[in-house]
Amino acid sequence: MNYNGIEINEKFSSSFLKKALLTVNPELPYRGQRKFQDGDYVYTCEVTGKFEYFSGKEIIYFQNEKVYECSFSGGIIK
């Protein structure tokens, strides 16, 4: 998998991102689950495709303000 993220402002929390990524769903084993919230932080993850070839985007909001965005893609290498 390839991924590239950017911190949009100083309200981004790497510890929240780590917490969100630990909630990964075995049925969607890409990054975090589709939505995770802890206090004022909300993590969202949208994925298209199958495990063989997929792409997606995750976004973190703090009090409804976007503070982080990451695009990712990957798949099976033969």
N, C-alpha and C. Protein backbone atom coordinates (compact mmCIF):
# COMPACT_ATOMS: atom_id res chain seq x y z
N MET A 1 0.84 -1.17 0.00
CA MET A 1 0.00 0.00 0.00
C MET A 1 0.88 1.23 0.00
N ASN A 2 0.44 2.24 -0.74
CA ASN A 2 1.07 3.56 -0.74
C ASN A 2 0.12 4.52 -0.04
N TYR A 3 0.66 5.44 0.72
CA TYR A 3 -0.19 6.47 1.31
C TYR A 3 0.60 7.75 1.46
N ASN A 4 -0.15 8.86 1.38
CA ASN A 4 0.45 10.18 1.48
C ASN A 4 -0.53 11.09 2.20
N GLY A 5 -0.13 11.57 3.37
CA GLY A 5 -1.00 12.42 4.15
C GLY A 5 -0.40 13.79 4.38
N ILE A 6 -1.28 14.73 4.70
CA ILE A 6 -0.83 16.09 4.97
C ILE A 6 -1.59 16.65 6.17
N GLU A 7 -0.84 17.25 7.08
CA GLU A 7 -1.43 17.96 8.21
C GLU A 7 -1.86 19.32 7.70
N ILE A 8 -3.12 19.65 7.86
CA ILE A 8 -3.65 20.90 7.34
C ILE A 8 -3.46 22.05 8.33
N ASN A 9 -3.55 21.77 9.62
CA ASN A 9 -3.26 22.81 10.61
C ASN A 9 -2.78 22.19 11.91
N GLU A 10 -2.45 23.02 12.88
CA GLU A 10 -1.82 22.57 14.13
C GLU A 10 -2.76 21.79 15.05
N LYS A 11 -4.04 21.71 14.73
CA LYS A 11 -4.98 20.96 15.55
C LYS A 11 -4.93 19.46 15.27
N PHE A 12 -4.17 19.06 14.26
CA PHE A 12 -3.99 17.64 13.96
C PHE A 12 -3.35 16.94 15.16
N SER A 13 -3.80 15.73 15.45
CA SER A 13 -3.26 14.94 16.55
C SER A 13 -2.81 13.58 16.03
N SER A 14 -1.50 13.34 16.05
CA SER A 14 -0.99 12.04 15.59
C SER A 14 -1.44 10.93 16.54
N SER A 15 -1.61 11.22 17.81
CA SER A 15 -2.07 10.19 18.74
C SER A 15 -3.52 9.79 18.43
N PHE A 16 -4.34 10.73 17.99
CA PHE A 16 -5.71 10.38 17.59
C PHE A 16 -5.67 9.51 16.33
N LEU A 17 -4.82 9.87 15.36
CA LEU A 17 -4.70 9.06 14.15
C LEU A 17 -4.29 7.63 14.50
N LYS A 18 -3.32 7.47 15.37
CA LYS A 18 -2.89 6.13 15.78
C LYS A 18 -4.04 5.37 16.43
N LYS A 19 -4.80 6.05 17.28
CA LYS A 19 -5.95 5.42 17.93
C LYS A 19 -6.98 4.98 16.89
N ALA A 20 -7.24 5.83 15.90
CA ALA A 20 -8.21 5.50 14.84
C ALA A 20 -7.73 4.30 14.02
N LEU A 21 -6.43 4.26 13.71
CA LEU A 21 -5.90 3.16 12.90
C LEU A 21 -5.94 1.83 13.64
N LEU A 22 -5.90 1.86 14.97
CA LEU A 22 -5.99 0.63 15.76
C LEU A 22 -7.40 0.04 15.75
N THR A 23 -8.37 0.78 15.24
CA THR A 23 -9.75 0.28 15.20
C THR A 23 -10.07 -0.40 13.88
N VAL A 24 -9.06 -0.72 13.09
CA VAL A 24 -9.29 -1.29 11.76
C VAL A 24 -10.25 -2.48 11.82
N ASN A 25 -11.14 -2.53 10.85
CA ASN A 25 -12.14 -3.59 10.75
C ASN A 25 -11.56 -4.70 9.87
N PRO A 26 -11.57 -5.96 10.30
CA PRO A 26 -11.02 -7.06 9.48
C PRO A 26 -11.67 -7.14 8.09
N GLU A 27 -12.90 -6.65 7.95
CA GLU A 27 -13.56 -6.68 6.65
C GLU A 27 -13.10 -5.53 5.75
N LEU A 28 -12.50 -4.50 6.33
CA LEU A 28 -11.94 -3.36 5.59
C LEU A 28 -10.53 -3.11 6.10
N PRO A 29 -9.58 -3.98 5.79
CA PRO A 29 -8.25 -3.94 6.42
C PRO A 29 -7.27 -2.94 5.80
N TYR A 30 -7.75 -1.77 5.44
CA TYR A 30 -6.91 -0.82 4.71
C TYR A 30 -6.24 0.18 5.66
N ARG A 31 -7.01 0.99 6.34
CA ARG A 31 -6.49 1.96 7.32
C ARG A 31 -7.37 1.81 8.56
N GLY A 32 -8.19 2.80 8.88
CA GLY A 32 -9.10 2.69 10.02
C GLY A 32 -10.49 2.30 9.56
N GLN A 33 -11.43 2.28 10.50
CA GLN A 33 -12.81 1.97 10.12
C GLN A 33 -13.44 3.15 9.38
N ARG A 34 -14.63 2.99 8.86
CA ARG A 34 -15.26 4.05 8.06
C ARG A 34 -15.44 5.34 8.86
N LYS A 35 -15.78 5.23 10.13
CA LYS A 35 -15.92 6.43 10.97
C LYS A 35 -15.55 6.07 12.40
N PHE A 36 -14.76 6.95 13.01
CA PHE A 36 -14.35 6.78 14.40
C PHE A 36 -14.33 8.16 15.04
N GLN A 37 -14.89 8.26 16.23
CA GLN A 37 -14.91 9.55 16.92
C GLN A 37 -14.41 9.37 18.34
N ASP A 38 -13.63 10.35 18.78
CA ASP A 38 -13.14 10.40 20.15
C ASP A 38 -13.09 11.87 20.55
N GLY A 39 -14.02 12.28 21.38
CA GLY A 39 -14.09 13.68 21.78
C GLY A 39 -14.40 14.57 20.59
N ASP A 40 -13.62 15.61 20.39
CA ASP A 40 -13.83 16.56 19.30
C ASP A 40 -13.25 16.09 17.97
N TYR A 41 -12.55 14.96 17.96
CA TYR A 41 -11.92 14.45 16.74
C TYR A 41 -12.81 13.41 16.08
N VAL A 42 -12.89 13.47 14.75
CA VAL A 42 -13.63 12.49 13.96
C VAL A 42 -12.73 12.04 12.82
N TYR A 43 -12.62 10.73 12.65
CA TYR A 43 -11.84 10.12 11.57
C TYR A 43 -12.83 9.49 10.61
N THR A 44 -12.65 9.72 9.30
CA THR A 44 -13.47 9.06 8.28
C THR A 44 -12.56 8.42 7.25
N CYS A 45 -13.02 7.30 6.69
CA CYS A 45 -12.23 6.58 5.69
C CYS A 45 -13.18 6.03 4.63
N GLU A 46 -12.92 6.38 3.38
CA GLU A 46 -13.70 5.89 2.25
C GLU A 46 -12.77 5.09 1.35
N VAL A 47 -13.21 3.88 0.97
CA VAL A 47 -12.40 3.00 0.13
C VAL A 47 -13.22 2.53 -1.06
N THR A 48 -12.58 2.50 -2.23
CA THR A 48 -13.22 1.91 -3.41
C THR A 48 -12.35 0.77 -3.91
N GLY A 49 -13.00 -0.22 -4.53
CA GLY A 49 -12.28 -1.36 -5.05
C GLY A 49 -12.30 -2.54 -4.10
N LYS A 50 -11.62 -3.57 -4.50
CA LYS A 50 -11.47 -4.80 -3.71
C LYS A 50 -10.05 -4.87 -3.20
N PHE A 51 -9.77 -5.83 -2.33
CA PHE A 51 -8.45 -5.95 -1.75
C PHE A 51 -7.37 -6.13 -2.82
N GLU A 52 -7.74 -6.75 -3.96
CA GLU A 52 -6.77 -6.97 -5.03
C GLU A 52 -6.26 -5.64 -5.63
N TYR A 53 -7.14 -4.61 -5.63
CA TYR A 53 -6.76 -3.28 -6.10
C TYR A 53 -7.75 -2.28 -5.50
N PHE A 54 -7.25 -1.35 -4.72
CA PHE A 54 -8.13 -0.43 -4.01
C PHE A 54 -7.49 0.95 -3.93
N SER A 55 -8.32 1.94 -3.64
CA SER A 55 -7.84 3.29 -3.35
C SER A 55 -8.80 3.91 -2.35
N GLY A 56 -8.32 4.91 -1.65
CA GLY A 56 -9.18 5.54 -0.66
C GLY A 56 -8.63 6.85 -0.15
N LYS A 57 -9.43 7.43 0.72
CA LYS A 57 -9.06 8.70 1.33
C LYS A 57 -9.53 8.68 2.78
N GLU A 58 -8.66 9.15 3.67
CA GLU A 58 -9.07 9.32 5.06
C GLU A 58 -8.94 10.80 5.42
N ILE A 59 -9.84 11.25 6.26
CA ILE A 59 -9.86 12.65 6.68
C ILE A 59 -10.09 12.68 8.19
N ILE A 60 -9.40 13.60 8.85
CA ILE A 60 -9.63 13.84 10.28
C ILE A 60 -10.15 15.26 10.44
N TYR A 61 -11.20 15.36 11.25
CA TYR A 61 -11.79 16.65 11.58
C TYR A 61 -11.62 16.91 13.07
N PHE A 62 -11.41 18.16 13.42
CA PHE A 62 -11.42 18.60 14.81
C PHE A 62 -12.48 19.68 14.90
N GLN A 63 -13.53 19.42 15.68
CA GLN A 63 -14.65 20.34 15.81
C GLN A 63 -15.17 20.75 14.42
N ASN A 64 -15.39 19.78 13.57
CA ASN A 64 -15.92 19.94 12.21
C ASN A 64 -14.99 20.68 11.25
N GLU A 65 -13.75 20.91 11.63
CA GLU A 65 -12.77 21.54 10.75
C GLU A 65 -11.77 20.49 10.28
N LYS A 66 -11.55 20.39 8.98
CA LYS A 66 -10.60 19.40 8.44
C LYS A 66 -9.19 19.76 8.89
N VAL A 67 -8.50 18.80 9.53
CA VAL A 67 -7.14 19.05 10.02
C VAL A 67 -6.12 18.10 9.40
N TYR A 68 -6.58 17.06 8.69
CA TYR A 68 -5.66 16.07 8.11
C TYR A 68 -6.37 15.38 6.96
N GLU A 69 -5.60 15.07 5.92
CA GLU A 69 -6.14 14.31 4.79
C GLU A 69 -5.07 13.39 4.25
N CYS A 70 -5.47 12.17 3.90
CA CYS A 70 -4.53 11.18 3.38
C CYS A 70 -5.18 10.40 2.24
N SER A 71 -4.45 10.25 1.15
CA SER A 71 -4.88 9.39 0.04
C SER A 71 -4.02 8.13 0.07
N PHE A 72 -4.65 6.99 -0.24
CA PHE A 72 -3.91 5.72 -0.25
C PHE A 72 -4.41 4.83 -1.36
N SER A 73 -3.56 3.91 -1.76
CA SER A 73 -3.92 2.92 -2.78
C SER A 73 -3.04 1.70 -2.61
N GLY A 74 -3.50 0.60 -3.16
CA GLY A 74 -2.69 -0.61 -3.05
C GLY A 74 -3.40 -1.79 -3.67
N GLY A 75 -2.83 -2.95 -3.42
CA GLY A 75 -3.39 -4.18 -3.94
C GLY A 75 -2.41 -5.32 -3.84
N ILE A 76 -2.75 -6.41 -4.44
CA ILE A 76 -1.92 -7.61 -4.40
C ILE A 76 -0.86 -7.51 -5.51
N ILE A 77 0.38 -7.78 -5.15
CA ILE A 77 1.48 -7.80 -6.11
C ILE A 77 1.79 -9.27 -6.41
N LYS A 78 1.80 -9.61 -7.69
CA LYS A 78 2.09 -10.99 -8.08
C LYS A 78 3.48 -11.12 -8.62
